[in-house]
C-alpha cells in the first residue's frame, strides 16, 4: 500500500532554480532588515515571490516613535511575477 506522502513524492517535479531566479531572490532579500520572502512554486518552477517588509521603531520617552532614516510606513508587501523569458534580475 502506498502512503499519500509516497504518492506525492512520485508525482512531484524537482524544483528548477537557475541563476536568474537566484539573482531575483537575492535582489528581494538585499536590503531587507525585518520581514519575509514567500516563494510560490507550481509544477517544479518558481512562479511568484511575495515580499513582506517590517519597519521597527524605537519608543522614546518624548512620545516620538521613530529612528533616524526610517519612514513612517510600518509594513509593505510587494509581489514579483515573471518567467525566465522576461527576467529583469
Protein backbone atom coordinates (compact mmCIF):
# COMPACT_ATOMS: atom_id res chain seq x y z
CA UNK A 1 0.00 0.00 0.00
CA UNK A 2 1.32 3.48 -0.96
CA UNK A 3 1.01 6.34 1.52
CA UNK A 4 -0.04 9.85 0.47
CA UNK A 5 3.47 11.14 1.06
CA UNK A 6 4.99 8.46 -1.17
CA UNK A 7 2.39 9.16 -3.86
CA UNK A 8 3.08 12.91 -3.72
CA UNK A 9 6.83 12.30 -3.95
CA UNK A 10 6.35 10.21 -7.08
CA UNK A 11 4.25 12.93 -8.74
CA UNK A 12 6.21 15.99 -7.59
CA UNK A 13 8.58 17.57 -10.08
CA UNK A 14 12.04 18.62 -8.91
CA UNK A 15 12.41 22.36 -8.29
CA UNK A 16 14.31 24.18 -11.04
CA UNK A 17 16.24 27.19 -9.77
CA UNK A 18 18.61 28.78 -12.27
CA UNK A 19 20.99 31.74 -11.94
CA UNK A 20 18.23 34.18 -12.98
CA UNK A 21 15.98 33.11 -10.08
CA UNK A 22 18.88 33.10 -7.62
CA UNK A 23 19.58 36.73 -8.60
CA UNK A 24 15.89 37.64 -8.24
CA UNK A 25 15.73 36.08 -4.78
CA UNK A 26 18.95 37.81 -3.71
CA UNK A 27 17.59 41.12 -5.01
CA UNK A 28 14.43 40.77 -2.93
CA UNK A 29 16.44 39.98 0.22
CA UNK A 30 19.14 42.58 -0.42
CA UNK A 31 18.03 45.50 1.76
CA UNK A 32 15.50 43.72 3.97
CA UNK A 33 16.11 44.27 7.69
CA UNK A 34 12.95 42.61 9.10
CA UNK A 35 10.46 40.64 7.03
CA UNK A 36 9.87 37.58 4.94
CA UNK A 37 10.07 36.40 1.35
CA UNK A 38 7.38 33.91 0.33
CA UNK A 39 8.26 31.89 -2.79
CA UNK A 40 5.40 30.24 -4.68
CA UNK A 41 6.19 27.11 -6.70
CA UNK A 42 3.93 25.46 -9.30
CA UNK A 43 4.88 22.20 -11.01
CA UNK A 44 8.53 22.47 -10.01
CA UNK A 45 9.04 26.09 -11.09
CA UNK A 46 9.06 29.33 -9.12
CA UNK A 47 6.20 31.46 -10.39
CA UNK A 48 5.88 34.22 -7.79
CA UNK A 49 7.62 35.93 -4.88
CA UNK A 50 5.83 37.92 -2.19
CA UNK A 51 7.93 40.20 -0.02
CA UNK A 52 6.63 41.49 3.30
CA UNK A 53 8.85 44.01 4.99
CA UNK A 54 8.50 45.33 8.52
CA UNK A 55 9.87 48.61 9.80
CA UNK A 56 10.57 48.68 13.52
CA UNK A 57 10.67 51.85 15.56
CA UNK A 58 12.13 52.51 18.99
CA UNK A 59 9.83 54.06 21.57
CA UNK A 60 11.26 57.24 23.01
CA UNK A 61 10.20 58.91 26.27
CA UNK A 62 9.02 62.05 24.43
CA UNK A 63 6.34 60.05 22.59
CA UNK A 64 8.08 60.22 19.24
CA UNK A 65 8.42 56.68 17.92
CA UNK A 66 10.93 56.87 15.12
CA UNK A 67 14.54 56.13 14.39
CA UNK A 68 16.59 58.30 12.03
CA UNK A 69 16.42 57.02 8.49
CA UNK A 70 13.15 55.12 8.83
CA UNK A 71 9.96 56.12 7.09
CA UNK A 72 6.53 56.32 8.68
CA UNK A 73 5.44 53.23 6.77
CA UNK A 74 5.14 50.24 9.11
CA UNK A 75 4.97 47.47 6.53
CA UNK A 76 4.75 46.89 2.83
CA UNK A 77 4.05 43.94 0.60
CA UNK A 78 5.19 43.60 -2.96
CA UNK A 79 4.66 40.79 -5.45
CA UNK A 80 7.12 39.96 -8.16
CA UNK A 81 5.94 37.82 -11.04
CA UNK A 82 7.85 36.69 -14.05
CA UNK A 83 9.12 33.87 -16.15
CA UNK A 84 12.64 33.03 -17.15
CA UNK A 85 11.99 34.62 -20.54
CA UNK A 86 11.17 38.03 -19.05
CA UNK A 87 13.86 38.14 -16.37
CA UNK A 88 14.98 41.52 -15.17
CA UNK A 89 17.38 40.30 -12.49
